Amino acid sequence: MQKGIATNDELKQEMHEVLRFNPYICESFYADEVLLIEGPTEEIISRAFLQEVPSDKTIFVLNCGTVNNIPFYQKIFSRFNIKYHVICDTDKAGIVGIDQFGNADFDSGIQKTISEQYRRDSAAMNGNIGLLRTHNITFEPAHQDASIPDFLRFVDSGDRSKPFNANLYWKNVLKPNISHQDINKVPIIKYLNEIMAH
């Protein structure tokens, strides 16, 4: 074992930190807050929104690559006392409770791990933590819900590329309607506005 590393688990953790923290991701340590998202769909819309809508703080959008990587980044940012937010899919996990700030608790899966880590970090950081928001099942069904006005709903272009569809959704639907009175009925926009105001 190396100096300061007592177990194989600690060695694995160090290895993952080295592999996952490339120079781009290291920029996250200089932002006011970090937004942890699952993949490119949320990344495209979040980055575009944050470039379009002025804010008093810098929010670094960190594409975790998969929902399974979110707890890893939660642990890192809480260790450095960096305020983070999470937007993830519920997938098949059930929501068993929502706190007074709208943050969900889950009954199973990686979502349960994320919500448990979020609660631990909130306590350790004396409440100086961001928001935990979810898309019901996944991004696409959440943005096709009947509660969203037709003209603001996600429409699949037929292209198999989820990032391409997300980019079209931003450029053709969300951006032209960013000031519309019903824009906060779109989950991702509502969450981003909440994060900016938090």
N, C-alpha and C. Protein backbone atom coordinates (compact mmCIF):
# COMPACT_ATOMS: atom_id res chain seq x y z
N MET A 1 0.83 -1.19 0.00
CA MET A 1 0.00 0.00 0.00
C MET A 1 0.87 1.26 0.00
N GLN A 2 0.30 2.31 -0.60
CA GLN A 2 0.99 3.59 -0.62
C GLN A 2 0.84 4.27 0.74
N LYS A 3 1.71 5.23 0.95
CA LYS A 3 1.66 6.01 2.19
C LYS A 3 0.31 6.73 2.29
N GLY A 4 -0.35 6.61 3.43
CA GLY A 4 -1.63 7.28 3.65
C GLY A 4 -2.84 6.52 3.15
N ILE A 5 -2.64 5.39 2.50
CA ILE A 5 -3.75 4.59 1.99
C ILE A 5 -3.73 3.26 2.74
N ALA A 6 -4.78 3.01 3.50
CA ALA A 6 -4.80 1.86 4.40
C ALA A 6 -5.45 0.62 3.81
N THR A 7 -6.40 0.78 2.89
CA THR A 7 -7.15 -0.37 2.40
C THR A 7 -7.23 -0.37 0.88
N ASN A 8 -7.61 -1.51 0.32
CA ASN A 8 -7.81 -1.59 -1.13
C ASN A 8 -8.94 -0.68 -1.57
N ASP A 9 -9.99 -0.53 -0.75
CA ASP A 9 -11.10 0.37 -1.10
C ASP A 9 -10.60 1.81 -1.24
N GLU A 10 -9.73 2.23 -0.34
CA GLU A 10 -9.17 3.58 -0.44
C GLU A 10 -8.31 3.73 -1.69
N LEU A 11 -7.56 2.68 -2.02
CA LEU A 11 -6.74 2.70 -3.23
C LEU A 11 -7.62 2.80 -4.47
N LYS A 12 -8.73 2.04 -4.49
CA LYS A 12 -9.67 2.11 -5.62
C LYS A 12 -10.27 3.51 -5.73
N GLN A 13 -10.64 4.09 -4.58
CA GLN A 13 -11.23 5.44 -4.58
C GLN A 13 -10.22 6.43 -5.17
N GLU A 14 -8.97 6.34 -4.75
CA GLU A 14 -7.94 7.24 -5.29
C GLU A 14 -7.79 7.05 -6.80
N MET A 15 -7.81 5.80 -7.25
CA MET A 15 -7.69 5.52 -8.68
C MET A 15 -8.85 6.14 -9.45
N HIS A 16 -10.08 6.00 -8.94
CA HIS A 16 -11.24 6.58 -9.62
C HIS A 16 -11.15 8.10 -9.66
N GLU A 17 -10.68 8.69 -8.60
CA GLU A 17 -10.52 10.15 -8.58
C GLU A 17 -9.55 10.60 -9.65
N VAL A 18 -8.43 9.91 -9.77
CA VAL A 18 -7.44 10.28 -10.78
C VAL A 18 -8.01 10.10 -12.18
N LEU A 19 -8.72 9.01 -12.43
CA LEU A 19 -9.25 8.74 -13.76
C LEU A 19 -10.39 9.68 -14.14
N ARG A 20 -11.24 10.02 -13.20
CA ARG A 20 -12.43 10.80 -13.52
C ARG A 20 -12.19 12.30 -13.53
N PHE A 21 -11.16 12.77 -12.83
CA PHE A 21 -10.95 14.21 -12.74
C PHE A 21 -9.91 14.67 -13.76
N ASN A 22 -10.37 14.82 -15.00
CA ASN A 22 -9.53 15.36 -16.04
C ASN A 22 -9.51 16.89 -15.92
N PRO A 23 -8.68 17.59 -16.70
CA PRO A 23 -8.59 19.05 -16.55
C PRO A 23 -9.93 19.77 -16.69
N TYR A 24 -10.80 19.29 -17.59
CA TYR A 24 -12.11 19.93 -17.75
C TYR A 24 -12.92 19.82 -16.46
N ILE A 25 -12.99 18.65 -15.89
CA ILE A 25 -13.77 18.44 -14.67
C ILE A 25 -13.16 19.21 -13.50
N CYS A 26 -11.85 19.36 -13.50
CA CYS A 26 -11.20 20.11 -12.42
C CYS A 26 -11.66 21.57 -12.38
N GLU A 27 -12.13 22.09 -13.51
CA GLU A 27 -12.68 23.45 -13.52
C GLU A 27 -13.86 23.60 -12.59
N SER A 28 -14.54 22.50 -12.30
CA SER A 28 -15.72 22.56 -11.44
C SER A 28 -15.37 23.09 -10.05
N PHE A 29 -14.14 22.93 -9.61
CA PHE A 29 -13.73 23.39 -8.29
C PHE A 29 -13.67 24.92 -8.20
N TYR A 30 -13.71 25.59 -9.35
CA TYR A 30 -13.64 27.05 -9.37
C TYR A 30 -15.00 27.70 -9.57
N ALA A 31 -16.03 26.91 -9.74
CA ALA A 31 -17.38 27.44 -9.91
C ALA A 31 -18.01 27.72 -8.55
N ASP A 32 -19.04 28.55 -8.54
CA ASP A 32 -19.76 28.80 -7.30
C ASP A 32 -20.52 27.55 -6.85
N GLU A 33 -21.11 26.87 -7.85
CA GLU A 33 -21.90 25.67 -7.57
C GLU A 33 -21.74 24.71 -8.73
N VAL A 34 -22.08 23.43 -8.49
CA VAL A 34 -21.95 22.40 -9.51
C VAL A 34 -23.31 21.72 -9.69
N LEU A 35 -23.68 21.49 -10.93
CA LEU A 35 -24.89 20.74 -11.26
C LEU A 35 -24.49 19.38 -11.80
N LEU A 36 -24.85 18.32 -11.07
CA LEU A 36 -24.55 16.95 -11.47
C LEU A 36 -25.74 16.41 -12.26
N ILE A 37 -25.47 16.03 -13.51
CA ILE A 37 -26.53 15.47 -14.35
C ILE A 37 -26.05 14.14 -14.93
N GLU A 38 -27.00 13.34 -15.41
CA GLU A 38 -26.71 11.98 -15.86
C GLU A 38 -25.95 11.91 -17.17
N GLY A 39 -26.34 12.70 -18.14
CA GLY A 39 -25.77 12.52 -19.46
C GLY A 39 -25.93 13.71 -20.38
N PRO A 40 -25.70 13.49 -21.67
CA PRO A 40 -25.65 14.59 -22.63
C PRO A 40 -26.99 15.29 -22.89
N THR A 41 -28.11 14.61 -22.72
CA THR A 41 -29.40 15.26 -22.94
C THR A 41 -29.56 16.44 -22.00
N GLU A 42 -29.39 16.19 -20.72
CA GLU A 42 -29.52 17.26 -19.72
C GLU A 42 -28.39 18.26 -19.85
N GLU A 43 -27.20 17.78 -20.22
CA GLU A 43 -26.04 18.67 -20.35
C GLU A 43 -26.29 19.72 -21.43
N ILE A 44 -26.76 19.30 -22.58
CA ILE A 44 -26.98 20.22 -23.69
C ILE A 44 -27.96 21.31 -23.30
N ILE A 45 -29.08 20.92 -22.73
CA ILE A 45 -30.11 21.91 -22.38
C ILE A 45 -29.64 22.78 -21.22
N SER A 46 -29.01 22.20 -20.22
CA SER A 46 -28.55 22.97 -19.07
C SER A 46 -27.51 24.01 -19.46
N ARG A 47 -26.53 23.61 -20.24
CA ARG A 47 -25.49 24.55 -20.68
C ARG A 47 -26.09 25.69 -21.52
N ALA A 48 -26.95 25.32 -22.45
CA ALA A 48 -27.57 26.34 -23.31
C ALA A 48 -28.40 27.31 -22.48
N PHE A 49 -29.17 26.78 -21.55
CA PHE A 49 -30.00 27.63 -20.68
C PHE A 49 -29.13 28.57 -19.86
N LEU A 50 -28.08 28.05 -19.25
CA LEU A 50 -27.23 28.87 -18.38
C LEU A 50 -26.45 29.92 -19.18
N GLN A 51 -26.22 29.68 -20.46
CA GLN A 51 -25.60 30.70 -21.31
C GLN A 51 -26.60 31.77 -21.71
N GLU A 52 -27.85 31.37 -21.83
CA GLU A 52 -28.90 32.28 -22.29
C GLU A 52 -29.46 33.16 -21.18
N VAL A 53 -29.58 32.62 -19.99
CA VAL A 53 -30.23 33.31 -18.88
C VAL A 53 -29.16 33.82 -17.91
N PRO A 54 -29.12 35.13 -17.70
CA PRO A 54 -28.08 35.68 -16.82
C PRO A 54 -28.26 35.24 -15.36
N SER A 55 -27.12 35.07 -14.69
CA SER A 55 -27.13 34.66 -13.29
C SER A 55 -26.00 35.37 -12.55
N ASP A 56 -26.19 35.55 -11.25
CA ASP A 56 -25.16 36.18 -10.43
C ASP A 56 -24.09 35.19 -10.01
N LYS A 57 -24.29 33.91 -10.28
CA LYS A 57 -23.32 32.90 -9.87
C LYS A 57 -22.95 32.01 -11.05
N THR A 58 -21.78 31.40 -10.96
CA THR A 58 -21.38 30.46 -12.00
C THR A 58 -21.76 29.06 -11.54
N ILE A 59 -22.45 28.35 -12.42
CA ILE A 59 -22.87 26.98 -12.15
C ILE A 59 -22.19 26.10 -13.19
N PHE A 60 -21.38 25.19 -12.71
CA PHE A 60 -20.66 24.28 -13.59
C PHE A 60 -21.54 23.05 -13.82
N VAL A 61 -21.81 22.73 -15.08
CA VAL A 61 -22.62 21.56 -15.42
C VAL A 61 -21.67 20.38 -15.62
N LEU A 62 -21.82 19.38 -14.77
CA LEU A 62 -20.96 18.21 -14.82
C LEU A 62 -21.75 16.99 -15.29
N ASN A 63 -21.47 16.58 -16.50
CA ASN A 63 -22.07 15.37 -17.07
C ASN A 63 -21.37 14.18 -16.43
N CYS A 64 -22.07 13.46 -15.57
CA CYS A 64 -21.48 12.34 -14.83
C CYS A 64 -21.35 11.08 -15.68
N GLY A 65 -21.91 11.10 -16.89
CA GLY A 65 -21.79 9.96 -17.79
C GLY A 65 -22.86 8.90 -17.59
N THR A 66 -23.31 8.76 -16.37
CA THR A 66 -24.38 7.82 -16.03
C THR A 66 -24.86 8.17 -14.62
N VAL A 67 -26.08 7.81 -14.32
CA VAL A 67 -26.63 8.05 -12.98
C VAL A 67 -25.80 7.34 -11.92
N ASN A 68 -25.18 6.24 -12.30
CA ASN A 68 -24.38 5.46 -11.34
C ASN A 68 -23.15 6.20 -10.83
N ASN A 69 -22.67 7.20 -11.57
CA ASN A 69 -21.50 7.96 -11.15
C ASN A 69 -21.84 9.15 -10.25
N ILE A 70 -23.10 9.51 -10.15
CA ILE A 70 -23.47 10.70 -9.38
C ILE A 70 -23.02 10.61 -7.92
N PRO A 71 -23.22 9.48 -7.21
CA PRO A 71 -22.77 9.43 -5.81
C PRO A 71 -21.27 9.67 -5.64
N PHE A 72 -20.48 9.19 -6.59
CA PHE A 72 -19.03 9.44 -6.53
C PHE A 72 -18.75 10.94 -6.47
N TYR A 73 -19.37 11.69 -7.38
CA TYR A 73 -19.14 13.13 -7.43
C TYR A 73 -19.75 13.84 -6.22
N GLN A 74 -20.88 13.36 -5.74
CA GLN A 74 -21.46 13.93 -4.52
C GLN A 74 -20.45 13.88 -3.38
N LYS A 75 -19.83 12.72 -3.21
CA LYS A 75 -18.86 12.55 -2.13
C LYS A 75 -17.68 13.50 -2.28
N ILE A 76 -17.19 13.65 -3.50
CA ILE A 76 -16.04 14.52 -3.74
C ILE A 76 -16.40 15.97 -3.43
N PHE A 77 -17.50 16.45 -3.97
CA PHE A 77 -17.84 17.86 -3.78
C PHE A 77 -18.19 18.17 -2.33
N SER A 78 -18.85 17.24 -1.65
CA SER A 78 -19.15 17.49 -0.23
C SER A 78 -17.87 17.51 0.59
N ARG A 79 -16.91 16.67 0.22
CA ARG A 79 -15.64 16.65 0.94
C ARG A 79 -14.94 18.02 0.86
N PHE A 80 -15.13 18.71 -0.27
CA PHE A 80 -14.53 20.03 -0.46
C PHE A 80 -15.50 21.17 -0.12
N ASN A 81 -16.65 20.79 0.46
CA ASN A 81 -17.67 21.76 0.86
C ASN A 81 -18.14 22.63 -0.32
N ILE A 82 -18.29 22.00 -1.48
CA ILE A 82 -18.77 22.68 -2.67
C ILE A 82 -20.25 22.37 -2.84
N LYS A 83 -21.03 23.42 -2.93
CA LYS A 83 -22.48 23.27 -3.09
C LYS A 83 -22.78 22.61 -4.44
N TYR A 84 -23.54 21.53 -4.40
CA TYR A 84 -23.91 20.85 -5.63
C TYR A 84 -25.42 20.62 -5.70
N HIS A 85 -25.89 20.48 -6.93
CA HIS A 85 -27.28 20.16 -7.23
C HIS A 85 -27.27 18.87 -8.04
N VAL A 86 -28.39 18.14 -8.02
CA VAL A 86 -28.51 16.91 -8.80
C VAL A 86 -29.82 16.95 -9.57
N ILE A 87 -29.75 16.60 -10.85
CA ILE A 87 -30.95 16.32 -11.64
C ILE A 87 -30.74 14.93 -12.22
N CYS A 88 -31.64 14.00 -11.86
CA CYS A 88 -31.52 12.63 -12.36
C CYS A 88 -32.92 12.07 -12.67
N ASP A 89 -32.93 10.95 -13.36
CA ASP A 89 -34.18 10.25 -13.67
C ASP A 89 -34.59 9.40 -12.47
N THR A 90 -35.90 9.17 -12.33
CA THR A 90 -36.36 8.26 -11.29
C THR A 90 -36.18 6.81 -11.74
N ASP A 91 -36.17 6.58 -13.05
CA ASP A 91 -36.12 5.22 -13.60
C ASP A 91 -37.23 4.39 -12.95
N LYS A 92 -36.90 3.27 -12.34
CA LYS A 92 -37.92 2.42 -11.73
C LYS A 92 -38.02 2.62 -10.22
N ALA A 93 -37.21 3.52 -9.67
CA ALA A 93 -37.23 3.76 -8.23
C ALA A 93 -38.48 4.56 -7.85
N GLY A 94 -39.04 4.23 -6.71
CA GLY A 94 -40.21 4.94 -6.23
C GLY A 94 -39.82 6.05 -5.26
N ILE A 95 -40.53 7.15 -5.35
CA ILE A 95 -40.31 8.26 -4.42
C ILE A 95 -41.13 7.98 -3.17
N VAL A 96 -40.47 7.93 -2.01
CA VAL A 96 -41.15 7.62 -0.75
C VAL A 96 -41.39 8.87 0.10
N GLY A 97 -40.83 9.98 -0.32
CA GLY A 97 -41.04 11.22 0.42
C GLY A 97 -40.37 12.39 -0.28
N ILE A 98 -40.88 13.57 0.02
CA ILE A 98 -40.31 14.81 -0.51
C ILE A 98 -40.22 15.78 0.65
N ASP A 99 -39.05 16.39 0.84
CA ASP A 99 -38.90 17.32 1.95
C ASP A 99 -39.52 18.68 1.63
N GLN A 100 -39.42 19.61 2.57
CA GLN A 100 -40.07 20.93 2.40
C GLN A 100 -39.46 21.74 1.26
N PHE A 101 -38.30 21.31 0.74
CA PHE A 101 -37.66 22.03 -0.36
C PHE A 101 -37.87 21.33 -1.71
N GLY A 102 -38.63 20.24 -1.71
CA GLY A 102 -38.91 19.52 -2.94
C GLY A 102 -37.90 18.46 -3.31
N ASN A 103 -37.01 18.11 -2.38
CA ASN A 103 -35.99 17.09 -2.63
C ASN A 103 -36.55 15.71 -2.30
N ALA A 104 -36.39 14.78 -3.24
CA ALA A 104 -37.01 13.46 -3.11
C ALA A 104 -36.14 12.47 -2.34
N ASP A 105 -36.83 11.53 -1.69
CA ASP A 105 -36.21 10.34 -1.10
C ASP A 105 -36.73 9.14 -1.87
N PHE A 106 -35.84 8.16 -2.12
CA PHE A 106 -36.20 7.01 -2.94
C PHE A 106 -36.18 5.72 -2.14
N ASP A 107 -36.89 4.73 -2.67
CA ASP A 107 -36.99 3.44 -2.00
C ASP A 107 -35.98 2.41 -2.48
N SER A 108 -35.36 2.65 -3.63
CA SER A 108 -34.48 1.62 -4.19
C SER A 108 -33.53 2.20 -5.23
N GLY A 109 -32.65 1.32 -5.68
CA GLY A 109 -31.76 1.64 -6.79
C GLY A 109 -30.71 2.69 -6.46
N ILE A 110 -30.04 3.12 -7.50
CA ILE A 110 -29.01 4.14 -7.36
C ILE A 110 -29.61 5.45 -6.88
N GLN A 111 -30.89 5.68 -7.19
CA GLN A 111 -31.56 6.90 -6.73
C GLN A 111 -31.60 6.94 -5.21
N LYS A 112 -31.80 5.79 -4.57
CA LYS A 112 -31.79 5.73 -3.11
C LYS A 112 -30.41 6.11 -2.58
N THR A 113 -29.38 5.61 -3.23
CA THR A 113 -28.01 5.95 -2.85
C THR A 113 -27.78 7.45 -3.00
N ILE A 114 -28.27 8.03 -4.09
CA ILE A 114 -28.12 9.47 -4.33
C ILE A 114 -28.84 10.27 -3.25
N SER A 115 -30.08 9.91 -2.95
CA SER A 115 -30.83 10.69 -1.95
C SER A 115 -30.24 10.51 -0.55
N GLU A 116 -29.76 9.32 -0.23
CA GLU A 116 -29.12 9.11 1.07
C GLU A 116 -27.82 9.92 1.19
N GLN A 117 -27.03 9.93 0.12
CA GLN A 117 -25.79 10.72 0.12
C GLN A 117 -26.12 12.21 0.24
N TYR A 118 -27.16 12.63 -0.47
CA TYR A 118 -27.60 14.02 -0.41
C TYR A 118 -27.95 14.42 1.03
N ARG A 119 -28.69 13.57 1.72
CA ARG A 119 -29.09 13.86 3.12
C ARG A 119 -27.85 13.93 4.03
N ARG A 120 -26.93 12.98 3.87
CA ARG A 120 -25.69 13.00 4.67
C ARG A 120 -24.91 14.28 4.40
N ASP A 121 -24.79 14.65 3.12
CA ASP A 121 -24.03 15.84 2.77
C ASP A 121 -24.72 17.10 3.28
N SER A 122 -26.04 17.13 3.24
CA SER A 122 -26.78 18.28 3.75
C SER A 122 -26.49 18.49 5.23
N ALA A 123 -26.47 17.41 5.98
CA ALA A 123 -26.17 17.50 7.41
C ALA A 123 -24.72 17.92 7.64
N ALA A 124 -23.80 17.30 6.90
CA ALA A 124 -22.37 17.60 7.07
C ALA A 124 -22.03 19.02 6.65
N MET A 125 -22.76 19.54 5.66
CA MET A 125 -22.48 20.89 5.14
C MET A 125 -23.40 21.92 5.78
N ASN A 126 -24.04 21.56 6.89
CA ASN A 126 -24.94 22.47 7.62
C ASN A 126 -26.00 23.09 6.71
N GLY A 127 -26.56 22.27 5.83
CA GLY A 127 -27.64 22.73 4.96
C GLY A 127 -27.18 23.53 3.75
N ASN A 128 -25.88 23.79 3.63
CA ASN A 128 -25.36 24.56 2.48
C ASN A 128 -25.21 23.63 1.28
N ILE A 129 -26.32 23.10 0.86
CA ILE A 129 -26.33 22.16 -0.26
C ILE A 129 -27.38 22.61 -1.25
N GLY A 130 -27.25 22.12 -2.46
CA GLY A 130 -28.18 22.51 -3.51
C GLY A 130 -29.47 21.72 -3.47
N LEU A 131 -30.04 21.52 -4.64
CA LEU A 131 -31.33 20.86 -4.78
C LEU A 131 -31.17 19.49 -5.44
N LEU A 132 -32.07 18.60 -5.14
CA LEU A 132 -32.14 17.27 -5.76
C LEU A 132 -33.46 17.20 -6.51
N ARG A 133 -33.39 17.17 -7.83
CA ARG A 133 -34.59 17.15 -8.65
C ARG A 133 -34.58 15.93 -9.56
N THR A 134 -35.77 15.48 -9.96
CA THR A 134 -35.88 14.26 -10.75
C THR A 134 -36.83 14.42 -11.93
N HIS A 135 -36.53 13.63 -12.96
CA HIS A 135 -37.44 13.49 -14.10
C HIS A 135 -38.20 12.20 -13.91
N ASN A 136 -39.53 12.29 -13.98
CA ASN A 136 -40.36 11.11 -13.78
C ASN A 136 -40.09 10.10 -14.88
N ILE A 137 -39.55 9.02 -14.51
CA ILE A 137 -39.05 7.89 -15.29
C ILE A 137 -37.74 8.30 -15.97
N THR A 138 -37.82 9.01 -17.10
CA THR A 138 -36.63 9.54 -17.74
C THR A 138 -36.96 10.92 -18.33
N PHE A 139 -35.96 11.55 -18.91
CA PHE A 139 -36.12 12.90 -19.45
C PHE A 139 -37.27 12.99 -20.46
N GLU A 140 -37.27 12.07 -21.42
CA GLU A 140 -38.24 12.18 -22.52
C GLU A 140 -39.69 12.09 -22.06
N PRO A 141 -40.10 11.06 -21.31
CA PRO A 141 -41.48 11.02 -20.85
C PRO A 141 -41.84 12.20 -19.94
N ALA A 142 -40.90 12.65 -19.14
CA ALA A 142 -41.17 13.78 -18.25
C ALA A 142 -41.47 15.04 -19.04
N HIS A 143 -40.88 15.16 -20.22
CA HIS A 143 -41.07 16.36 -21.04
C HIS A 143 -42.13 16.17 -22.13
N GLN A 144 -42.82 15.04 -22.08
CA GLN A 144 -43.96 14.79 -22.97
C GLN A 144 -45.26 14.70 -22.17
N ASP A 145 -45.18 15.00 -20.89
CA ASP A 145 -46.32 14.88 -19.98
C ASP A 145 -47.46 15.82 -20.40
N ALA A 146 -48.67 15.37 -20.17
CA ALA A 146 -49.86 16.15 -20.55
C ALA A 146 -49.97 17.47 -19.79
N SER A 147 -49.28 17.61 -18.66
CA SER A 147 -49.33 18.87 -17.90
C SER A 147 -48.54 20.00 -18.58
N ILE A 148 -47.74 19.65 -19.56
CA ILE A 148 -46.95 20.65 -20.31
C ILE A 148 -47.75 21.08 -21.53
N PRO A 149 -47.90 22.38 -21.77
CA PRO A 149 -48.61 22.81 -22.99
C PRO A 149 -47.99 22.18 -24.24
N ASP A 150 -48.83 21.85 -25.20
CA ASP A 150 -48.39 21.15 -26.41
C ASP A 150 -47.16 21.78 -27.05
N PHE A 151 -47.15 23.09 -27.17
CA PHE A 151 -46.07 23.76 -27.89
C PHE A 151 -44.74 23.74 -27.12
N LEU A 152 -44.76 23.32 -25.86
CA LEU A 152 -43.53 23.24 -25.05
C LEU A 152 -43.08 21.80 -24.81
N ARG A 153 -43.84 20.85 -25.31
CA ARG A 153 -43.50 19.44 -25.09
C ARG A 153 -42.35 18.98 -25.97
N PHE A 154 -41.62 18.01 -25.44
CA PHE A 154 -40.54 17.37 -26.18
C PHE A 154 -41.15 16.52 -27.29
N VAL A 155 -40.58 16.63 -28.48
CA VAL A 155 -41.00 15.80 -29.61
C VAL A 155 -39.76 15.12 -30.15
N ASP A 156 -39.81 13.81 -30.22
CA ASP A 156 -38.69 13.04 -30.75
C ASP A 156 -38.63 13.25 -32.25
N SER A 157 -37.47 13.62 -32.76
CA SER A 157 -37.32 13.90 -34.19
C SER A 157 -37.26 12.64 -35.04
N GLY A 158 -37.15 11.50 -34.39
CA GLY A 158 -36.99 10.25 -35.12
C GLY A 158 -35.53 9.86 -35.25
N ASP A 159 -34.63 10.79 -34.95
CA ASP A 159 -33.21 10.49 -34.95
C ASP A 159 -32.90 9.70 -33.68
N ARG A 160 -32.06 8.70 -33.77
CA ARG A 160 -31.78 7.85 -32.61
C ARG A 160 -30.83 8.51 -31.61
N SER A 161 -30.28 9.64 -31.97
CA SER A 161 -29.34 10.33 -31.09
C SER A 161 -30.09 11.20 -30.08
N LYS A 162 -30.01 10.82 -28.80
CA LYS A 162 -30.67 11.60 -27.76
C LYS A 162 -30.10 13.01 -27.65
N PRO A 163 -28.77 13.19 -27.74
CA PRO A 163 -28.25 14.56 -27.69
C PRO A 163 -28.75 15.42 -28.85
N PHE A 164 -28.85 14.84 -30.04
CA PHE A 164 -29.36 15.59 -31.19
C PHE A 164 -30.80 16.03 -30.94
N ASN A 165 -31.62 15.12 -30.43
CA ASN A 165 -33.01 15.46 -30.11
C ASN A 165 -33.08 16.55 -29.04
N ALA A 166 -32.21 16.47 -28.04
CA ALA A 166 -32.19 17.49 -26.99
C ALA A 166 -31.80 18.85 -27.56
N ASN A 167 -30.83 18.86 -28.47
CA ASN A 167 -30.41 20.11 -29.08
C ASN A 167 -31.55 20.73 -29.89
N LEU A 168 -32.26 19.90 -30.64
CA LEU A 168 -33.42 20.41 -31.40
C LEU A 168 -34.50 20.94 -30.45
N TYR A 169 -34.73 20.23 -29.36
CA TYR A 169 -35.72 20.67 -28.37
C TYR A 169 -35.35 22.04 -27.82
N TRP A 170 -34.08 22.24 -27.52
CA TRP A 170 -33.64 23.54 -27.03
C TRP A 170 -33.82 24.61 -28.11
N LYS A 171 -33.26 24.38 -29.28
CA LYS A 171 -33.25 25.41 -30.33
C LYS A 171 -34.63 25.73 -30.91
N ASN A 172 -35.46 24.70 -31.08
CA ASN A 172 -36.74 24.91 -31.76
C ASN A 172 -37.91 25.17 -30.83
N VAL A 173 -37.80 24.73 -29.57
CA VAL A 173 -38.94 24.82 -28.67
C VAL A 173 -38.64 25.69 -27.45
N LEU A 174 -37.62 25.33 -26.70
CA LEU A 174 -37.38 26.00 -25.42
C LEU A 174 -36.82 27.41 -25.57
N LYS A 175 -35.76 27.56 -26.33
CA LYS A 175 -35.13 28.88 -26.47
C LYS A 175 -36.10 29.93 -27.01
N PRO A 176 -36.87 29.64 -28.07
CA PRO A 176 -37.80 30.67 -28.56
C PRO A 176 -38.91 31.02 -27.55
N ASN A 177 -39.15 30.15 -26.58
CA ASN A 177 -40.22 30.38 -25.61
C ASN A 177 -39.70 30.61 -24.19
N ILE A 178 -38.42 30.95 -24.06
CA ILE A 178 -37.79 31.05 -22.75
C ILE A 178 -38.47 32.08 -21.85
N SER A 179 -39.11 33.07 -22.43
CA SER A 179 -39.79 34.10 -21.63
C SER A 179 -41.29 33.87 -21.53
N HIS A 180 -41.78 32.78 -22.09
CA HIS A 180 -43.22 32.51 -22.06
C HIS A 180 -43.67 32.24 -20.62
N GLN A 181 -44.87 32.66 -20.29
CA GLN A 181 -45.39 32.50 -18.92
C GLN A 181 -45.49 31.05 -18.47
N ASP A 182 -45.58 30.11 -19.40
CA ASP A 182 -45.71 28.69 -19.04
C ASP A 182 -44.39 27.92 -19.10
N ILE A 183 -43.27 28.61 -19.28
CA ILE A 183 -41.99 27.91 -19.46
C ILE A 183 -41.62 27.05 -18.25
N ASN A 184 -42.04 27.44 -17.05
CA ASN A 184 -41.70 26.65 -15.86
C ASN A 184 -42.55 25.39 -15.72
N LYS A 185 -43.43 25.13 -16.67
CA LYS A 185 -44.13 23.85 -16.71
C LYS A 185 -43.25 22.77 -17.33
N VAL A 186 -42.15 23.20 -17.94
CA VAL A 186 -41.17 22.28 -18.51
C VAL A 186 -40.21 21.90 -17.38
N PRO A 187 -40.16 20.62 -16.99
CA PRO A 187 -39.37 20.24 -15.81
C PRO A 187 -37.93 20.74 -15.79
N ILE A 188 -37.18 20.53 -16.85
CA ILE A 188 -35.76 20.92 -16.82
C ILE A 188 -35.60 22.42 -16.64
N ILE A 189 -36.48 23.20 -17.25
CA ILE A 189 -36.40 24.67 -17.11
C ILE A 189 -36.80 25.08 -15.70
N LYS A 190 -37.85 24.47 -15.18
CA LYS A 190 -38.27 24.75 -13.80
C LYS A 190 -37.12 24.47 -12.84
N TYR A 191 -36.47 23.31 -13.00
CA TYR A 191 -35.38 22.93 -12.11
C TYR A 191 -34.20 23.89 -12.22
N LEU A 192 -33.85 24.27 -13.44
CA LEU A 192 -32.74 25.19 -13.62
C LEU A 192 -33.03 26.55 -13.02
N ASN A 193 -34.27 27.02 -13.17
CA ASN A 193 -34.64 28.29 -12.53
C ASN A 193 -34.57 28.18 -11.01
N GLU A 194 -35.02 27.06 -10.47
CA GLU A 194 -34.94 26.85 -9.02
C GLU A 194 -33.49 26.82 -8.55
N ILE A 195 -32.64 26.18 -9.30
CA ILE A 195 -31.22 26.10 -8.95
C ILE A 195 -30.58 27.48 -8.99
N MET A 196 -30.90 28.26 -10.00
CA MET A 196 -30.33 29.61 -10.09
C MET A 196 -30.80 30.49 -8.94
N ALA A 197 -32.02 30.28 -8.47
CA ALA A 197 -32.58 31.09 -7.39
C ALA A 197 -32.17 30.60 -6.00
N HIS A 198 -31.65 29.39 -5.92
CA HIS A 198 -31.36 28.76 -4.63
C HIS A 198 -30.10 29.35 -3.97
